[in-house]
Amino acid sequence: MATSITATNKSPLIAIVAWLLLALATFSYVIRFVVKLSHRSLSFESDDSLMTGSLLFCIAQSVATIVRADHGFGKPLGDVLPEKINASLKAEMAANVFYILSVLLARLSLLSLITKLTPNRQHQFVSFALGGLIIVWSIISVFAAALECRLPNSWDYTREKCINRIAWWIVSDIVNILAETVLIMTPVYIICIVQWTVSKKILFSIPFIVRICTIAAYVVDIIIWKNFVGPSPDPFFAEWQVSVTTQVIQCSCLCSTCVLYLKSFLKSVETGFGLDYDLRSSGLELTASNLSSEVLTQSAPMPKQSKGSTKGRIFGGRAPRFGSVSITITIIASGLDLP
């Protein structure tokens, strides 16, 4: 692969972007893991497994993209040898499938975290339902990406009869924008019903709202498909821009999920609707028969600092079960005063 980036050779640029964003995604995952260790939690839960899977598919997608660039992707179709074109198109199909799976697992990891943060059954049901819809859409997307063209060469859109690829990927981006919007609004809504000051609600909504960056990348992707790839007489070359936005979307989705594991965010969010965590600050004990987040959102005065024991660990243990149970929850001095 040539090392110089020119108007007709974007292959080196594609490889550079892939390596840089893969490094950023991996760094975010490592920071997340370090934060978990700092909380003395060695348990490997569902959100951890999902995020690990997301990173592995991210690595696979980045490698496939680099292979594409090494086989001529990023150059005009006429400048690439036929055997390299075929290898590049196969790598593109694999990269698209890995990309869809990476984004899927990152989203499911976020939803898994949300279900642990709120004890409200309705909120948990919404998270499970949204997760189911995301899984169904991702399955459809995987089949569409793997079977864009007529068999047996379903990857070769330069010669075989294919679906309207431009329309499909635009529709896919629109659906993904809607999914990201819901993934932002759900936790923000939960934060809004907690009895915090407006400034505190805004502060702890920011880690979720940062997913707007992913939405912006989807919008750019739509513009590229419609205004650059669609009218181009050489889509093989024109799609180098789509490759870059795909890398950005994938990295943004993974990093915006990992940022939720910042130590300061997790400690603060415990006061509002986390019932399963360990806080090294002061706390109080509460025995309840039917505890839900509605209790946490009742209007109540701010308490004085109280002493008590804390149980559970961040990322550790299970969410409290409903019914006649006795549980210990942790409330810091700035938290809510439960009746």
C-alpha atoms as a PDB file:
ATOM      1  CA  MET A   1       0.000   0.000   0.000  1.00  0.00           C
ATOM      2  CA  ALA A   2       1.372   3.383  -0.990  1.00  0.00           C
ATOM      3  CA  THR A   3       2.197   5.663   1.918  1.00  0.00           C
ATOM      4  CA  SER A   4       1.275   8.981   0.299  1.00  0.00           C
ATOM      5  CA  ILE A   5      -2.241  10.381   0.528  1.00  0.00           C
ATOM      6  CA  THR A   6      -3.397  11.971  -2.715  1.00  0.00           C
ATOM      7  CA  ALA A   7      -6.683  12.968  -4.346  1.00  0.00           C
ATOM      8  CA  THR A   8      -6.932   9.490  -5.873  1.00  0.00           C
ATOM      9  CA  ASN A   9      -5.335   7.480  -3.084  1.00  0.00           C
ATOM     10  CA  LYS A  10      -7.098   7.550   0.285  1.00  0.00           C
ATOM     11  CA  SER A  11      -5.964   4.067   1.358  1.00  0.00           C
ATOM     12  CA  PRO A  12      -3.299   5.322   3.800  1.00  0.00           C
ATOM     13  CA  LEU A  13      -5.802   7.751   5.341  1.00  0.00           C
ATOM     14  CA  ILE A  14      -8.321   4.944   5.879  1.00  0.00           C
ATOM     15  CA  ALA A  15      -5.689   2.799   7.614  1.00  0.00           C
ATOM     16  CA  ILE A  16      -4.501   5.680   9.811  1.00  0.00           C
ATOM     17  CA  VAL A  17      -8.032   6.536  10.936  1.00  0.00           C
ATOM     18  CA  ALA A  18      -8.756   2.877  11.666  1.00  0.00           C
ATOM     19  CA  TRP A  19      -5.640   2.491  13.825  1.00  0.00           C
ATOM     20  CA  LEU A  20      -6.172   5.758  15.716  1.00  0.00           C
ATOM     21  CA  LEU A  21      -9.834   5.151  16.523  1.00  0.00           C
ATOM     22  CA  LEU A  22      -9.134   1.539  17.481  1.00  0.00           C
ATOM     23  CA  ALA A  23      -6.481   2.788  19.902  1.00  0.00           C
ATOM     24  CA  LEU A  24      -8.961   5.290  21.365  1.00  0.00           C
ATOM     25  CA  ALA A  25     -11.656   2.634  21.791  1.00  0.00           C
ATOM     26  CA  THR A  26      -9.177   0.253  23.431  1.00  0.00           C
ATOM     27  CA  PHE A  27      -7.929   3.005  25.746  1.00  0.00           C
ATOM     28  CA  SER A  28     -11.518   3.752  26.832  1.00  0.00           C
ATOM     29  CA  TYR A  29     -12.079   0.080  27.596  1.00  0.00           C
ATOM     30  CA  VAL A  30      -8.861  -0.130  29.632  1.00  0.00           C
ATOM     31  CA  ILE A  31      -9.819   2.953  31.657  1.00  0.00           C
ATOM     32  CA  ARG A  32     -13.203   1.368  32.338  1.00  0.00           C
ATOM     33  CA  PHE A  33     -11.468  -1.781  33.575  1.00  0.00           C
ATOM     34  CA  VAL A  34      -9.090   0.212  35.792  1.00  0.00           C
ATOM     35  CA  VAL A  35     -12.020   2.078  37.362  1.00  0.00           C
ATOM     36  CA  LYS A  36     -13.651  -1.241  38.130  1.00  0.00           C
ATOM     37  CA  LEU A  37     -10.496  -2.507  39.818  1.00  0.00           C
ATOM     38  CA  SER A  38     -10.267   0.694  41.834  1.00  0.00           C
ATOM     39  CA  HIS A  39     -13.623  -0.189  43.337  1.00  0.00           C
ATOM     40  CA  ARG A  40     -12.228  -3.555  44.406  1.00  0.00           C
ATOM     41  CA  SER A  41     -14.666  -5.424  42.229  1.00  0.00           C
ATOM     42  CA  LEU A  42     -13.353  -8.425  40.329  1.00  0.00           C
ATOM     43  CA  SER A  43     -16.719  -9.822  39.287  1.00  0.00           C
ATOM     44  CA  PHE A  44     -17.364 -10.048  35.560  1.00  0.00           C
ATOM     45  CA  GLU A  45     -20.999  -9.148  34.968  1.00  0.00           C
ATOM     46  CA  SER A  46     -23.245  -8.947  31.941  1.00  0.00           C
ATOM     47  CA  ASP A  47     -22.330  -5.369  31.031  1.00  0.00           C
ATOM     48  CA  ASP A  48     -18.639  -6.286  31.253  1.00  0.00           C
ATOM     49  CA  SER A  49     -19.088  -9.275  28.956  1.00  0.00           C
ATOM     50  CA  LEU A  50     -21.070  -7.221  26.459  1.00  0.00           C
ATOM     51  CA  MET A  51     -18.512  -4.421  26.422  1.00  0.00           C
ATOM     52  CA  THR A  52     -15.671  -6.914  25.979  1.00  0.00           C
ATOM     53  CA  GLY A  53     -17.508  -8.462  23.042  1.00  0.00           C
ATOM     54  CA  SER A  54     -18.073  -5.008  21.578  1.00  0.00           C
ATOM     55  CA  LEU A  55     -14.347  -4.253  21.752  1.00  0.00           C
ATOM     56  CA  LEU A  56     -13.438  -7.590  20.144  1.00  0.00           C
ATOM     57  CA  PHE A  57     -15.792  -6.943  17.221  1.00  0.00           C
ATOM     58  CA  CYS A  58     -14.416  -3.390  17.026  1.00  0.00           C
ATOM     59  CA  ILE A  59     -10.916  -4.837  16.675  1.00  0.00           C
ATOM     60  CA  ALA A  60     -12.126  -7.296  14.019  1.00  0.00           C
ATOM     61  CA  GLN A  61     -13.884  -4.506  12.114  1.00  0.00           C
ATOM     62  CA  SER A  62     -10.814  -2.285  12.200  1.00  0.00           C
ATOM     63  CA  VAL A  63      -8.579  -5.108  10.975  1.00  0.00           C
ATOM     64  CA  ALA A  64     -11.012  -5.848   8.134  1.00  0.00           C
ATOM     65  CA  THR A  65     -11.021  -2.157   7.190  1.00  0.00           C
ATOM     66  CA  ILE A  66      -7.217  -2.084   7.132  1.00  0.00           C
ATOM     67  CA  VAL A  67      -7.244  -5.194   4.934  1.00  0.00           C
ATOM     68  CA  ARG A  68      -9.629  -3.402   2.572  1.00  0.00           C
ATOM     69  CA  ALA A  69      -7.272  -0.455   2.332  1.00  0.00           C
ATOM     70  CA  ASP A  70      -4.321  -2.777   1.768  1.00  0.00           C
ATOM     71  CA  HIS A  71      -6.170  -4.322  -1.196  1.00  0.00           C
ATOM     72  CA  GLY A  72      -6.888  -1.070  -2.961  1.00  0.00           C
ATOM     73  CA  PHE A  73      -9.913   0.369  -1.206  1.00  0.00           C
ATOM     74  CA  GLY A  74      -9.601   4.142  -1.311  1.00  0.00           C
ATOM     75  CA  LYS A  75      -8.441   4.183  -4.940  1.00  0.00           C
ATOM     76  CA  PRO A  76     -10.459   4.441  -8.169  1.00  0.00           C
ATOM     77  CA  LEU A  77     -11.774   1.053  -9.273  1.00  0.00           C
ATOM     78  CA  GLY A  78      -9.826   1.186 -12.528  1.00  0.00           C
ATOM     79  CA  ASP A  79      -6.508   1.496 -10.678  1.00  0.00           C
ATOM     80  CA  VAL A  80      -6.969  -1.715  -8.657  1.00  0.00           C
ATOM     81  CA  LEU A  81      -6.220  -5.257  -9.857  1.00  0.00           C
ATOM     82  CA  PRO A  82      -9.320  -7.519 -10.206  1.00  0.00           C
ATOM     83  CA  GLU A  83      -8.107 -10.034  -7.601  1.00  0.00           C
ATOM     84  CA  LYS A  84      -7.517  -7.227  -5.113  1.00  0.00           C
ATOM     85  CA  ILE A  85     -10.958  -5.790  -5.786  1.00  0.00           C
ATOM     86  CA  ASN A  86     -12.558  -9.117  -4.886  1.00  0.00           C
ATOM     87  CA  ALA A  87     -10.531  -9.398  -1.666  1.00  0.00           C
ATOM     88  CA  SER A  88     -11.384  -5.812  -0.742  1.00  0.00           C
ATOM     89  CA  LEU A  89     -15.109  -6.372  -1.274  1.00  0.00           C
ATOM     90  CA  LYS A  90     -15.037  -9.514   0.881  1.00  0.00           C
ATOM     91  CA  ALA A  91     -13.286  -7.572   3.630  1.00  0.00           C
ATOM     92  CA  GLU A  92     -15.912  -4.830   3.312  1.00  0.00           C
ATOM     93  CA  MET A  93     -18.742  -7.297   3.886  1.00  0.00           C
ATOM     94  CA  ALA A  94     -16.956  -8.696   6.956  1.00  0.00           C
ATOM     95  CA  ALA A  95     -16.255  -5.176   8.267  1.00  0.00           C
ATOM     96  CA  ASN A  96     -19.925  -4.204   7.940  1.00  0.00           C
ATOM     97  CA  VAL A  97     -21.066  -7.280   9.887  1.00  0.00           C
ATOM     98  CA  PHE A  98     -18.463  -6.724  12.632  1.00  0.00           C
ATOM     99  CA  TYR A  99     -19.445  -3.057  12.834  1.00  0.00           C
ATOM    100  CA  ILE A 100     -23.115  -3.885  13.379  1.00  0.00           C
ATOM    101  CA  LEU A 101     -22.279  -6.437  16.087  1.00  0.00           C
ATOM    102  CA  SER A 102     -19.864  -4.091  17.865  1.00  0.00           C
ATOM    103  CA  VAL A 103     -22.444  -1.309  18.057  1.00  0.00           C
ATOM    104  CA  LEU A 104     -25.120  -3.804  19.152  1.00  0.00           C
ATOM    105  CA  LEU A 105     -23.106  -5.106  22.112  1.00  0.00           C
ATOM    106  CA  ALA A 106     -22.090  -1.598  23.208  1.00  0.00           C
ATOM    107  CA  ARG A 107     -25.747  -0.571  23.297  1.00  0.00           C
ATOM    108  CA  LEU A 108     -26.754  -3.692  25.201  1.00  0.00           C
ATOM    109  CA  SER A 109     -23.989  -2.996  27.714  1.00  0.00           C
ATOM    110  CA  LEU A 110     -25.455   0.466  28.295  1.00  0.00           C
ATOM    111  CA  LEU A 111     -28.938  -0.977  28.782  1.00  0.00           C
ATOM    112  CA  SER A 112     -27.536  -3.546  31.205  1.00  0.00           C
ATOM    113  CA  LEU A 113     -26.047  -0.727  33.260  1.00  0.00           C
ATOM    114  CA  ILE A 114     -29.329   1.185  33.223  1.00  0.00           C
ATOM    115  CA  THR A 115     -31.238  -1.832  34.573  1.00  0.00           C
ATOM    116  CA  LYS A 116     -28.766  -2.014  37.450  1.00  0.00           C
ATOM    117  CA  LEU A 117     -29.042   1.688  38.228  1.00  0.00           C
ATOM    118  CA  THR A 118     -32.815   1.767  38.596  1.00  0.00           C
ATOM    119  CA  PRO A 119     -34.906  -0.558  40.775  1.00  0.00           C
ATOM    120  CA  ASN A 120     -38.102   0.584  39.052  1.00  0.00           C
ATOM    121  CA  ARG A 121     -39.662  -2.363  37.224  1.00  0.00           C
ATOM    122  CA  GLN A 122     -41.208  -0.153  34.565  1.00  0.00           C
ATOM    123  CA  HIS A 123     -37.833   1.363  33.737  1.00  0.00           C
ATOM    124  CA  GLN A 124     -36.279  -2.085  33.613  1.00  0.00           C
ATOM    125  CA  PHE A 125     -39.065  -3.333  31.339  1.00  0.00           C
ATOM    126  CA  VAL A 126     -38.463  -0.417  28.964  1.00  0.00           C
ATOM    127  CA  SER A 127     -34.755  -1.253  28.917  1.00  0.00           C
ATOM    128  CA  PHE A 128     -35.424  -4.931  28.170  1.00  0.00           C
ATOM    129  CA  ALA A 129     -37.962  -4.063  25.463  1.00  0.00           C
ATOM    130  CA  LEU A 130     -35.580  -1.588  23.850  1.00  0.00           C
ATOM    131  CA  GLY A 131     -32.825  -4.174  24.001  1.00  0.00           C
ATOM    132  CA  GLY A 132     -35.074  -6.686  22.246  1.00  0.00           C
ATOM    133  CA  LEU A 133     -35.884  -4.226  19.471  1.00  0.00           C
ATOM    134  CA  ILE A 134     -32.207  -3.364  19.025  1.00  0.00           C
ATOM    135  CA  ILE A 135     -31.323  -7.059  18.771  1.00  0.00           C
ATOM    136  CA  VAL A 136     -34.022  -7.671  16.150  1.00  0.00           C
ATOM    137  CA  TRP A 137     -32.906  -4.664  14.103  1.00  0.00           C
ATOM    138  CA  SER A 138     -29.269  -5.746  14.332  1.00  0.00           C
ATOM    139  CA  ILE A 139     -30.131  -9.249  13.077  1.00  0.00           C
ATOM    140  CA  ILE A 140     -31.933  -7.712  10.106  1.00  0.00           C
ATOM    141  CA  SER A 141     -28.948  -5.440   9.475  1.00  0.00           C
ATOM    142  CA  VAL A 142     -26.470  -8.334   9.582  1.00  0.00           C
ATOM    143  CA  PHE A 143     -28.434 -10.275   6.973  1.00  0.00           C
ATOM    144  CA  ALA A 144     -28.789  -7.169   4.803  1.00  0.00           C
ATOM    145  CA  ALA A 145     -25.056  -6.432   5.027  1.00  0.00           C
ATOM    146  CA  ALA A 146     -24.094 -10.039   4.250  1.00  0.00           C
ATOM    147  CA  LEU A 147     -26.619 -10.485   1.434  1.00  0.00           C
ATOM    148  CA  GLU A 148     -26.557  -7.134  -0.342  1.00  0.00           C
ATOM    149  CA  CYS A 149     -26.093  -8.783  -3.717  1.00  0.00           C
ATOM    150  CA  ARG A 150     -27.134 -11.963  -5.480  1.00  0.00           C
ATOM    151  CA  LEU A 151     -25.545 -15.201  -4.336  1.00  0.00           C
ATOM    152  CA  PRO A 152     -23.011 -16.719  -4.523  1.00  0.00           C
ATOM    153  CA  ASN A 153     -20.959 -13.499  -4.705  1.00  0.00           C
ATOM    154  CA  SER A 154     -23.086 -11.476  -2.307  1.00  0.00           C
ATOM    155  CA  TRP A 155     -20.191  -9.120  -1.566  1.00  0.00           C
ATOM    156  CA  ASP A 156     -19.557  -8.030  -5.173  1.00  0.00           C
ATOM    157  CA  TYR A 157     -21.670  -4.923  -5.790  1.00  0.00           C
ATOM    158  CA  THR A 158     -19.494  -3.964  -8.770  1.00  0.00           C
ATOM    159  CA  ARG A 159     -20.846  -6.787 -10.972  1.00  0.00           C
ATOM    160  CA  GLU A 160     -23.765  -8.572  -9.318  1.00  0.00           C
ATOM    161  CA  LYS A 161     -27.391  -7.462  -9.060  1.00  0.00           C
ATOM    162  CA  CYS A 162     -27.830  -5.878  -5.622  1.00  0.00           C
ATOM    163  CA  ILE A 163     -30.374  -4.165  -3.436  1.00  0.00           C
ATOM    164  CA  ASN A 164     -30.456  -0.385  -3.436  1.00  0.00           C
ATOM    165  CA  ARG A 165     -27.431  -0.043  -1.172  1.00  0.00           C
ATOM    166  CA  ILE A 166     -27.709   3.737  -0.907  1.00  0.00           C
ATOM    167  CA  ALA A 167     -31.324   3.602   0.289  1.00  0.00           C
ATOM    168  CA  TRP A 168     -30.619   0.715   2.660  1.00  0.00           C
ATOM    169  CA  TRP A 169     -27.740   2.381   4.488  1.00  0.00           C
ATOM    170  CA  ILE A 170     -29.614   5.687   4.734  1.00  0.00           C
ATOM    171  CA  VAL A 171     -32.607   3.913   6.281  1.00  0.00           C
ATOM    172  CA  SER A 172     -30.230   2.026   8.574  1.00  0.00           C
ATOM    173  CA  ASP A 173     -28.659   5.283   9.749  1.00  0.00           C
ATOM    174  CA  ILE A 174     -32.082   6.819  10.424  1.00  0.00           C
ATOM    175  CA  VAL A 175     -33.155   3.842  12.546  1.00  0.00           C
ATOM    176  CA  ASN A 176     -29.861   3.965  14.413  1.00  0.00           C
ATOM    177  CA  ILE A 177     -30.352   7.673  15.099  1.00  0.00           C
ATOM    178  CA  LEU A 178     -33.743   6.870  16.640  1.00  0.00           C
ATOM    179  CA  ALA A 179     -32.165   4.107  18.736  1.00  0.00           C
ATOM    180  CA  GLU A 180     -29.420   6.429  19.987  1.00  0.00           C
ATOM    181  CA  THR A 181     -32.009   9.093  20.822  1.00  0.00           C
ATOM    182  CA  VAL A 182     -33.951   6.641  22.985  1.00  0.00           C
ATOM    183  CA  LEU A 183     -30.709   5.482  24.629  1.00  0.00           C
ATOM    184  CA  ILE A 184     -30.095   9.099  25.610  1.00  0.00           C
ATOM    185  CA  MET A 185     -33.618   9.960  26.713  1.00  0.00           C
ATOM    186  CA  THR A 186     -34.225   6.868  28.869  1.00  0.00           C
ATOM    187  CA  PRO A 187     -31.468   7.446  31.462  1.00  0.00           C
ATOM    188  CA  VAL A 188     -31.954  11.225  31.299  1.00  0.00           C
ATOM    189  CA  TYR A 189     -35.620  10.737  32.184  1.00  0.00           C
ATOM    190  CA  ILE A 190     -34.667   8.526  35.141  1.00  0.00           C
ATOM    191  CA  ILE A 191     -32.240  11.199  36.342  1.00  0.00           C
ATOM    192  CA  CYS A 192     -34.877  13.919  35.965  1.00  0.00           C
ATOM    193  CA  ILE A 193     -37.342  12.230  38.344  1.00  0.00           C
ATOM    194  CA  VAL A 194     -34.726  11.991  41.094  1.00  0.00           C
ATOM    195  CA  GLN A 195     -34.973  14.796  43.661  1.00  0.00           C
ATOM    196  CA  TRP A 196     -31.785  16.600  42.718  1.00  0.00           C
ATOM    197  CA  THR A 197     -31.145  20.225  41.905  1.00  0.00           C
ATOM    198  CA  VAL A 198     -31.364  21.189  38.240  1.00  0.00           C
ATOM    199  CA  SER A 199     -27.621  21.762  38.017  1.00  0.00           C
ATOM    200  CA  LYS A 200     -26.914  18.308  39.445  1.00  0.00           C
ATOM    201  CA  LYS A 201     -29.361  16.668  37.032  1.00  0.00           C
ATOM    202  CA  ILE A 202     -27.653  18.384  34.118  1.00  0.00           C
ATOM    203  CA  LEU A 203     -24.225  17.354  35.393  1.00  0.00           C
ATOM    204  CA  PHE A 204     -25.090  13.668  35.623  1.00  0.00           C
ATOM    205  CA  SER A 205     -26.996  13.669  32.346  1.00  0.00           C
ATOM    206  CA  ILE A 206     -23.894  14.757  30.435  1.00  0.00           C
ATOM    207  CA  PRO A 207     -22.277  11.264  30.246  1.00  0.00           C
ATOM    208  CA  PHE A 208     -25.442  10.021  28.537  1.00  0.00           C
ATOM    209  CA  ILE A 209     -25.976  13.120  26.386  1.00  0.00           C
ATOM    210  CA  VAL A 210     -22.450  12.744  24.992  1.00  0.00           C
ATOM    211  CA  ARG A 211     -23.928  10.063  22.729  1.00  0.00           C
ATOM    212  CA  ILE A 212     -25.108  12.979  20.605  1.00  0.00           C
ATOM    213  CA  CYS A 213     -21.657  12.705  19.017  1.00  0.00           C
ATOM    214  CA  THR A 214     -22.698   9.307  17.669  1.00  0.00           C
ATOM    215  CA  ILE A 215     -25.912  10.791  16.281  1.00  0.00           C
ATOM    216  CA  ALA A 216     -23.915  13.546  14.567  1.00  0.00           C
ATOM    217  CA  ALA A 217     -21.688  10.908  12.936  1.00  0.00           C
ATOM    218  CA  TYR A 218     -24.788   9.089  11.649  1.00  0.00           C
ATOM    219  CA  VAL A 219     -26.081  12.342  10.153  1.00  0.00           C
ATOM    220  CA  VAL A 220     -22.765  12.902   8.365  1.00  0.00           C
ATOM    221  CA  ASP A 221     -22.918   9.324   7.108  1.00  0.00           C
ATOM    222  CA  ILE A 222     -26.355   9.933   5.614  1.00  0.00           C
ATOM    223  CA  ILE A 223     -25.107  13.073   3.859  1.00  0.00           C
ATOM    224  CA  ILE A 224     -22.163  11.184   2.390  1.00  0.00           C
ATOM    225  CA  TRP A 225     -24.286   8.299   1.125  1.00  0.00           C
ATOM    226  CA  LYS A 226     -26.820  10.653  -0.450  1.00  0.00           C
ATOM    227  CA  ASN A 227     -24.612  13.420  -1.853  1.00  0.00           C
ATOM    228  CA  PHE A 228     -21.310  11.701  -2.610  1.00  0.00           C
ATOM    229  CA  VAL A 229     -21.666   7.939  -2.992  1.00  0.00           C
ATOM    230  CA  GLY A 230     -25.086   7.994  -4.665  1.00  0.00           C
ATOM    231  CA  PRO A 231     -24.240  10.289  -7.597  1.00  0.00           C
ATOM    232  CA  SER A 232     -20.689   8.927  -7.992  1.00  0.00           C
ATOM    233  CA  PRO A 233     -19.863   6.867 -11.114  1.00  0.00           C
ATOM    234  CA  ASP A 234     -17.305   4.998  -8.996  1.00  0.00           C
ATOM    235  CA  PRO A 235     -18.883   4.015  -5.646  1.00  0.00           C
ATOM    236  CA  PHE A 236     -15.908   1.777  -4.862  1.00  0.00           C
ATOM    237  CA  PHE A 237     -13.744   4.878  -4.520  1.00  0.00           C
ATOM    238  CA  ALA A 238     -16.433   7.229  -3.188  1.00  0.00           C
ATOM    239  CA  GLU A 239     -17.162   4.964  -0.219  1.00  0.00           C
ATOM    240  CA  TRP A 240     -13.829   5.750   1.433  1.00  0.00           C
ATOM    241  CA  GLN A 241     -15.631   8.594   3.235  1.00  0.00           C
ATOM    242  CA  VAL A 242     -18.278   6.169   4.501  1.00  0.00           C
ATOM    243  CA  SER A 243     -15.504   3.980   5.855  1.00  0.00           C
ATOM    244  CA  VAL A 244     -14.213   6.890   7.946  1.00  0.00           C
ATOM    245  CA  THR A 245     -17.644   7.790   9.361  1.00  0.00           C
ATOM    246  CA  THR A 246     -18.267   4.123  10.160  1.00  0.00           C
ATOM    247  CA  GLN A 247     -15.072   4.045  12.211  1.00  0.00           C
ATOM    248  CA  VAL A 248     -16.123   7.224  14.006  1.00  0.00           C
ATOM    249  CA  ILE A 249     -19.595   5.848  14.789  1.00  0.00           C
ATOM    250  CA  GLN A 250     -18.182   2.600  16.128  1.00  0.00           C
ATOM    251  CA  CYS A 251     -15.566   4.297  18.305  1.00  0.00           C
ATOM    252  CA  SER A 252     -18.005   6.948  19.548  1.00  0.00           C
ATOM    253  CA  CYS A 253     -20.583   4.340  20.532  1.00  0.00           C
ATOM    254  CA  LEU A 254     -18.031   2.321  22.490  1.00  0.00           C
ATOM    255  CA  CYS A 255     -16.332   5.295  24.159  1.00  0.00           C
ATOM    256  CA  SER A 256     -19.604   6.983  25.153  1.00  0.00           C
ATOM    257  CA  THR A 257     -20.596   3.771  26.929  1.00  0.00           C
ATOM    258  CA  CYS A 258     -17.254   3.444  28.705  1.00  0.00           C
ATOM    259  CA  VAL A 259     -17.387   7.060  29.944  1.00  0.00           C
ATOM    260  CA  LEU A 260     -20.310   6.087  32.175  1.00  0.00           C
ATOM    261  CA  TYR A 261     -17.846   4.168  34.318  1.00  0.00           C
ATOM    262  CA  LEU A 262     -15.962   7.236  35.426  1.00  0.00           C
ATOM    263  CA  LYS A 263     -15.463   6.953  39.166  1.00  0.00           C
ATOM    264  CA  SER A 264     -16.946  10.346  40.025  1.00  0.00           C
ATOM    265  CA  PHE A 265     -20.077   9.652  37.982  1.00  0.00           C
ATOM    266  CA  LEU A 266     -20.712   6.261  39.544  1.00  0.00           C
ATOM    267  CA  LYS A 267     -20.239   7.546  43.086  1.00  0.00           C
ATOM    268  CA  SER A 268     -22.642  10.416  42.527  1.00  0.00           C
ATOM    269  CA  VAL A 269     -25.310   8.453  40.733  1.00  0.00           C
ATOM    270  CA  GLU A 270     -25.578   6.096  43.703  1.00  0.00           C
ATOM    271  CA  THR A 271     -27.359   8.760  45.714  1.00  0.00           C
ATOM    272  CA  GLY A 272     -30.251   8.995  43.303  1.00  0.00           C
ATOM    273  CA  PHE A 273     -31.263   5.603  42.015  1.00  0.00           C
ATOM    274  CA  GLY A 274     -28.458   3.113  42.523  1.00  0.00           C
ATOM    275  CA  LEU A 275     -29.266   0.557  45.203  1.00  0.00           C
ATOM    276  CA  ASP A 276     -26.575  -2.002  44.594  1.00  0.00           C
ATOM    277  CA  TYR A 277     -23.373  -0.148  45.176  1.00  0.00           C
ATOM    278  CA  ASP A 278     -20.728   0.472  47.769  1.00  0.00           C
ATOM    279  CA  LEU A 279     -20.046   4.024  48.793  1.00  0.00           C
ATOM    280  CA  ARG A 280     -17.177   4.831  51.090  1.00  0.00           C
ATOM    281  CA  SER A 281     -19.044   7.818  52.502  1.00  0.00           C
ATOM    282  CA  SER A 282     -21.639   7.888  55.253  1.00  0.00           C
ATOM    283  CA  GLY A 283     -24.867   5.959  54.864  1.00  0.00           C
ATOM    284  CA  LEU A 284     -28.021   4.739  56.556  1.00  0.00           C
ATOM    285  CA  GLU A 285     -29.934   1.485  56.787  1.00  0.00           C
ATOM    286  CA  LEU A 286     -33.467   1.041  55.531  1.00  0.00           C
ATOM    287  CA  THR A 287     -35.819  -1.891  55.799  1.00  0.00           C
ATOM    288  CA  ALA A 288     -38.569  -1.944  53.185  1.00  0.00           C
ATOM    289  CA  SER A 289     -41.268  -4.283  52.010  1.00  0.00           C
ATOM    290  CA  ASN A 290     -41.834  -2.930  48.528  1.00  0.00           C
ATOM    291  CA  LEU A 291     -39.041  -0.651  47.425  1.00  0.00           C
ATOM    292  CA  SER A 292     -39.027   1.029  44.060  1.00  0.00           C
ATOM    293  CA  SER A 293     -37.550   4.167  42.606  1.00  0.00           C
ATOM    294  CA  GLU A 294     -40.767   6.017  43.275  1.00  0.00           C
ATOM    295  CA  VAL A 295     -39.676   6.072  46.922  1.00  0.00           C
ATOM    296  CA  LEU A 296     -36.438   7.673  45.904  1.00  0.00           C
ATOM    297  CA  THR A 297     -38.203  10.364  43.926  1.00  0.00           C
ATOM    298  CA  GLN A 298     -40.640  11.495  46.600  1.00  0.00           C
ATOM    299  CA  SER A 299     -40.287  15.051  47.720  1.00  0.00           C
ATOM    300  CA  ALA A 300     -38.174  15.145  50.860  1.00  0.00           C
ATOM    301  CA  PRO A 301     -35.882  17.542  52.702  1.00  0.00           C
ATOM    302  CA  MET A 302     -32.146  17.199  52.450  1.00  0.00           C
ATOM    303  CA  PRO A 303     -30.775  15.070  55.271  1.00  0.00           C
ATOM    304  CA  LYS A 304     -27.951  15.660  57.659  1.00  0.00           C
ATOM    305  CA  GLN A 305     -24.993  13.360  57.513  1.00  0.00           C
ATOM    306  CA  SER A 306     -25.801  10.032  59.086  1.00  0.00           C
ATOM    307  CA  LYS A 307     -23.652   7.117  59.980  1.00  0.00           C
ATOM    308  CA  GLY A 308     -24.225   3.564  59.017  1.00  0.00           C
ATOM    309  CA  SER A 309     -22.869   0.561  57.255  1.00  0.00           C
ATOM    310  CA  THR A 310     -22.607   0.068  53.541  1.00  0.00           C
ATOM    311  CA  LYS A 311     -23.050  -3.156  51.671  1.00  0.00           C
ATOM    312  CA  GLY A 312     -22.626  -4.293  48.094  1.00  0.00           C
ATOM    313  CA  ARG A 313     -20.081  -3.210  45.577  1.00  0.00           C
ATOM    314  CA  ILE A 314     -20.011  -1.240  42.430  1.00  0.00           C
ATOM    315  CA  PHE A 315     -20.462  -3.719  39.617  1.00  0.00           C
ATOM    316  CA  GLY A 316     -20.876  -6.429  42.283  1.00  0.00           C
ATOM    317  CA  GLY A 317     -23.890  -8.223  43.677  1.00  0.00           C
ATOM    318  CA  ARG A 318     -27.362  -8.279  42.218  1.00  0.00           C
ATOM    319  CA  ALA A 319     -30.099  -5.736  41.923  1.00  0.00           C
ATOM    320  CA  PRO A 320     -32.481  -5.899  44.895  1.00  0.00           C
ATOM    321  CA  ARG A 321     -35.527  -8.118  44.489  1.00  0.00           C
ATOM    322  CA  PHE A 322     -38.984  -6.735  45.128  1.00  0.00           C
ATOM    323  CA  GLY A 323     -41.239  -8.142  47.758  1.00  0.00           C
ATOM    324  CA  SER A 324     -40.797  -8.525  51.496  1.00  0.00           C
ATOM    325  CA  VAL A 325     -37.115  -8.119  51.821  1.00  0.00           C
ATOM    326  CA  SER A 326     -34.732  -6.298  54.124  1.00  0.00           C
ATOM    327  CA  ILE A 327     -31.980  -4.426  52.327  1.00  0.00           C
ATOM    328  CA  THR A 328     -29.297  -1.947  53.165  1.00  0.00           C
ATOM    329  CA  ILE A 329     -28.841   0.977  50.859  1.00  0.00           C
ATOM    330  CA  THR A 330     -26.332   3.750  50.878  1.00  0.00           C
ATOM    331  CA  ILE A 331     -27.225   7.397  50.842  1.00  0.00           C
ATOM    332  CA  ILE A 332     -24.539  10.055  51.043  1.00  0.00           C
ATOM    333  CA  ALA A 333     -24.987  13.315  52.874  1.00  0.00           C
ATOM    334  CA  SER A 334     -26.317  15.076  49.802  1.00  0.00           C
ATOM    335  CA  GLY A 335     -28.794  12.337  49.011  1.00  0.00           C
ATOM    336  CA  LEU A 336     -32.468  11.906  49.807  1.00  0.00           C
ATOM    337  CA  ASP A 337     -34.083  11.573  53.187  1.00  0.00           C
ATOM    338  CA  LEU A 338     -36.280   8.481  52.932  1.00  0.00           C
ATOM    339  CA  PRO A 339     -39.303   8.224  55.247  1.00  0.00           C
END
